[in-house]
Amino acid sequence: MPIDTKILTRSCATDRFKSDVIDFASRADVPSITLVRAVPRVKVVRLITQLLHAHPEWVVDRVQVDARSGCSDFVGTAVVAATAHPHFSVARLVLVVTLGSAGSPAG
């Protein structure tokens, strides 16, 4: 599945994570992207692409996705392990992102 390389290039994510995103999209298992249950890879890649696009300043090094997928929805949580941009003095970030189906909030 295609990856928007411009988003990867602009992102401050670690080089290992960026490489793992490309490999994951090519159907490889990678250490920095873990799934709690089986979900379509295309939806995980879209999630990661949106995350890196929305927060290019985050130095993402790991994502764990716990979600359920239907025909038109993707609901669950994503735990994002990252550090702030090297120019900021913020320690490690661990964020939990709630995923909701299109057009409705997750409940």
C-alpha atoms as a PDB file:
ATOM      1  CA  MET A   1       0.000   0.000   0.000  1.00  0.00           C
ATOM      2  CA  PRO A   2       1.306   3.466  -0.783  1.00  0.00           C
ATOM      3  CA  ILE A   3       2.859   5.706   1.846  1.00  0.00           C
ATOM      4  CA  ASP A   4       2.972   9.494   1.626  1.00  0.00           C
ATOM      5  CA  THR A   5       6.743   9.925   1.710  1.00  0.00           C
ATOM      6  CA  LYS A   6       6.406  13.705   2.065  1.00  0.00           C
ATOM      7  CA  ILE A   7       4.718  13.222   5.436  1.00  0.00           C
ATOM      8  CA  LEU A   8       7.438  10.793   6.506  1.00  0.00           C
ATOM      9  CA  THR A   9      10.147  13.198   5.384  1.00  0.00           C
ATOM     10  CA  ARG A  10       8.624  16.142   7.299  1.00  0.00           C
ATOM     11  CA  SER A  11       8.089  14.054  10.417  1.00  0.00           C
ATOM     12  CA  CYS A  12      10.546  14.103  13.317  1.00  0.00           C
ATOM     13  CA  ALA A  13       9.759  10.421  13.981  1.00  0.00           C
ATOM     14  CA  THR A  14      12.821   8.260  14.465  1.00  0.00           C
ATOM     15  CA  ASP A  15      14.473   6.871  11.363  1.00  0.00           C
ATOM     16  CA  ARG A  16      13.773   3.358  12.637  1.00  0.00           C
ATOM     17  CA  PHE A  17      10.059   4.144  13.010  1.00  0.00           C
ATOM     18  CA  LYS A  18       9.882   5.668   9.525  1.00  0.00           C
ATOM     19  CA  SER A  19      11.574   2.586   8.091  1.00  0.00           C
ATOM     20  CA  ASP A  20       9.205   0.339  10.046  1.00  0.00           C
ATOM     21  CA  VAL A  21       6.177   2.225   8.675  1.00  0.00           C
ATOM     22  CA  ILE A  22       7.351   1.533   5.122  1.00  0.00           C
ATOM     23  CA  ASP A  23       8.031  -2.127   5.937  1.00  0.00           C
ATOM     24  CA  PHE A  24       4.698  -2.496   7.772  1.00  0.00           C
ATOM     25  CA  ALA A  25       2.862  -1.116   4.744  1.00  0.00           C
ATOM     26  CA  SER A  26       4.637  -3.785   2.689  1.00  0.00           C
ATOM     27  CA  ARG A  27       3.147  -6.466   4.957  1.00  0.00           C
ATOM     28  CA  ALA A  28       6.207  -7.055   7.151  1.00  0.00           C
ATOM     29  CA  ASP A  29       6.009  -7.446  10.915  1.00  0.00           C
ATOM     30  CA  VAL A  30       7.981  -4.683  12.607  1.00  0.00           C
ATOM     31  CA  PRO A  31       8.995  -4.083  16.235  1.00  0.00           C
ATOM     32  CA  SER A  32       7.781  -0.502  16.547  1.00  0.00           C
ATOM     33  CA  ILE A  33       4.175  -1.052  15.373  1.00  0.00           C
ATOM     34  CA  THR A  34       2.209  -3.562  17.401  1.00  0.00           C
ATOM     35  CA  LEU A  35      -1.383  -4.665  17.056  1.00  0.00           C
ATOM     36  CA  VAL A  36      -3.361  -6.054  19.983  1.00  0.00           C
ATOM     37  CA  ARG A  37      -5.705  -7.811  17.538  1.00  0.00           C
ATOM     38  CA  ALA A  38      -5.752  -8.297  13.804  1.00  0.00           C
ATOM     39  CA  VAL A  39      -7.001  -5.240  11.896  1.00  0.00           C
ATOM     40  CA  PRO A  40      -6.476  -4.218   8.276  1.00  0.00           C
ATOM     41  CA  ARG A  41      -2.969  -2.850   7.774  1.00  0.00           C
ATOM     42  CA  VAL A  42      -4.303  -0.172   5.443  1.00  0.00           C
ATOM     43  CA  LYS A  43      -6.281   1.335   8.333  1.00  0.00           C
ATOM     44  CA  VAL A  44      -3.248   1.266  10.632  1.00  0.00           C
ATOM     45  CA  VAL A  45      -1.097   2.930   7.962  1.00  0.00           C
ATOM     46  CA  ARG A  46      -3.773   5.616   7.476  1.00  0.00           C
ATOM     47  CA  LEU A  47      -3.854   6.186  11.243  1.00  0.00           C
ATOM     48  CA  ILE A  48      -0.072   6.547  11.447  1.00  0.00           C
ATOM     49  CA  THR A  49      -0.023   8.826   8.394  1.00  0.00           C
ATOM     50  CA  GLN A  50      -2.666  11.083   9.977  1.00  0.00           C
ATOM     51  CA  LEU A  51      -0.763  11.084  13.272  1.00  0.00           C
ATOM     52  CA  LEU A  52       2.536  12.072  11.636  1.00  0.00           C
ATOM     53  CA  HIS A  53       0.790  14.696   9.512  1.00  0.00           C
ATOM     54  CA  ALA A  54      -1.006  16.254  12.506  1.00  0.00           C
ATOM     55  CA  HIS A  55       2.064  16.170  14.776  1.00  0.00           C
ATOM     56  CA  PRO A  56       5.252  16.253  12.706  1.00  0.00           C
ATOM     57  CA  GLU A  57       7.110  17.640  15.738  1.00  0.00           C
ATOM     58  CA  TRP A  58       6.692  14.415  17.731  1.00  0.00           C
ATOM     59  CA  VAL A  59       9.673  12.072  17.709  1.00  0.00           C
ATOM     60  CA  VAL A  60       7.533   8.937  17.453  1.00  0.00           C
ATOM     61  CA  ASP A  61       9.370   5.693  18.072  1.00  0.00           C
ATOM     62  CA  ARG A  62       6.548   3.224  18.795  1.00  0.00           C
ATOM     63  CA  VAL A  63       2.798   2.778  18.289  1.00  0.00           C
ATOM     64  CA  GLN A  64       0.511   0.126  19.734  1.00  0.00           C
ATOM     65  CA  VAL A  65      -2.979  -0.155  18.218  1.00  0.00           C
ATOM     66  CA  ASP A  66      -5.913  -1.822  19.963  1.00  0.00           C
ATOM     67  CA  ALA A  67      -8.840  -1.403  17.596  1.00  0.00           C
ATOM     68  CA  ARG A  68     -11.786  -3.069  15.926  1.00  0.00           C
ATOM     69  CA  SER A  69     -12.478  -2.519  12.279  1.00  0.00           C
ATOM     70  CA  GLY A  70     -15.694  -2.652  10.313  1.00  0.00           C
ATOM     71  CA  CYS A  71     -16.467  -1.798   6.710  1.00  0.00           C
ATOM     72  CA  SER A  72     -16.530   1.944   7.372  1.00  0.00           C
ATOM     73  CA  ASP A  73     -15.225   2.315  10.917  1.00  0.00           C
ATOM     74  CA  PHE A  74     -12.061   1.928  12.948  1.00  0.00           C
ATOM     75  CA  VAL A  75     -12.630   2.214  16.695  1.00  0.00           C
ATOM     76  CA  GLY A  76     -10.212   1.734  19.561  1.00  0.00           C
ATOM     77  CA  THR A  77      -7.062   3.244  21.005  1.00  0.00           C
ATOM     78  CA  ALA A  78      -3.530   3.901  19.848  1.00  0.00           C
ATOM     79  CA  VAL A  79      -0.745   4.294  22.374  1.00  0.00           C
ATOM     80  CA  VAL A  80       1.978   6.498  20.910  1.00  0.00           C
ATOM     81  CA  ALA A  81       5.422   6.471  22.499  1.00  0.00           C
ATOM     82  CA  ALA A  82       7.347   9.573  21.543  1.00  0.00           C
ATOM     83  CA  THR A  83       9.605  12.306  22.762  1.00  0.00           C
ATOM     84  CA  ALA A  84       9.159  15.958  22.046  1.00  0.00           C
ATOM     85  CA  HIS A  85      11.167  17.683  19.354  1.00  0.00           C
ATOM     86  CA  PRO A  86      14.857  17.808  20.324  1.00  0.00           C
ATOM     87  CA  HIS A  87      14.657  21.605  20.673  1.00  0.00           C
ATOM     88  CA  PHE A  88      12.087  21.318  23.481  1.00  0.00           C
ATOM     89  CA  SER A  89      12.885  20.217  27.010  1.00  0.00           C
ATOM     90  CA  VAL A  90       9.991  17.820  27.431  1.00  0.00           C
ATOM     91  CA  ALA A  91      10.632  14.269  28.505  1.00  0.00           C
ATOM     92  CA  ARG A  92       9.080  11.194  26.964  1.00  0.00           C
ATOM     93  CA  LEU A  93       5.444  11.341  25.856  1.00  0.00           C
ATOM     94  CA  VAL A  94       3.079   8.388  25.982  1.00  0.00           C
ATOM     95  CA  LEU A  95      -0.218   9.342  24.424  1.00  0.00           C
ATOM     96  CA  VAL A  96      -3.428   7.386  24.177  1.00  0.00           C
ATOM     97  CA  VAL A  97      -5.441   8.354  21.106  1.00  0.00           C
ATOM     98  CA  THR A  98      -9.077   7.275  20.938  1.00  0.00           C
ATOM     99  CA  LEU A  99     -10.127   6.207  17.487  1.00  0.00           C
ATOM    100  CA  GLY A 100     -13.731   6.815  16.403  1.00  0.00           C
ATOM    101  CA  SER A 101     -15.715   5.764  13.395  1.00  0.00           C
ATOM    102  CA  ALA A 102     -16.131   8.250  10.566  1.00  0.00           C
ATOM    103  CA  GLY A 103     -18.573  10.972  11.521  1.00  0.00           C
ATOM    104  CA  SER A 104     -19.124   9.900  15.116  1.00  0.00           C
ATOM    105  CA  PRO A 105     -17.077  10.149  18.293  1.00  0.00           C
ATOM    106  CA  ALA A 106     -15.732   7.013  19.922  1.00  0.00           C
ATOM    107  CA  GLY A 107     -17.772   6.008  22.891  1.00  0.00           C
END
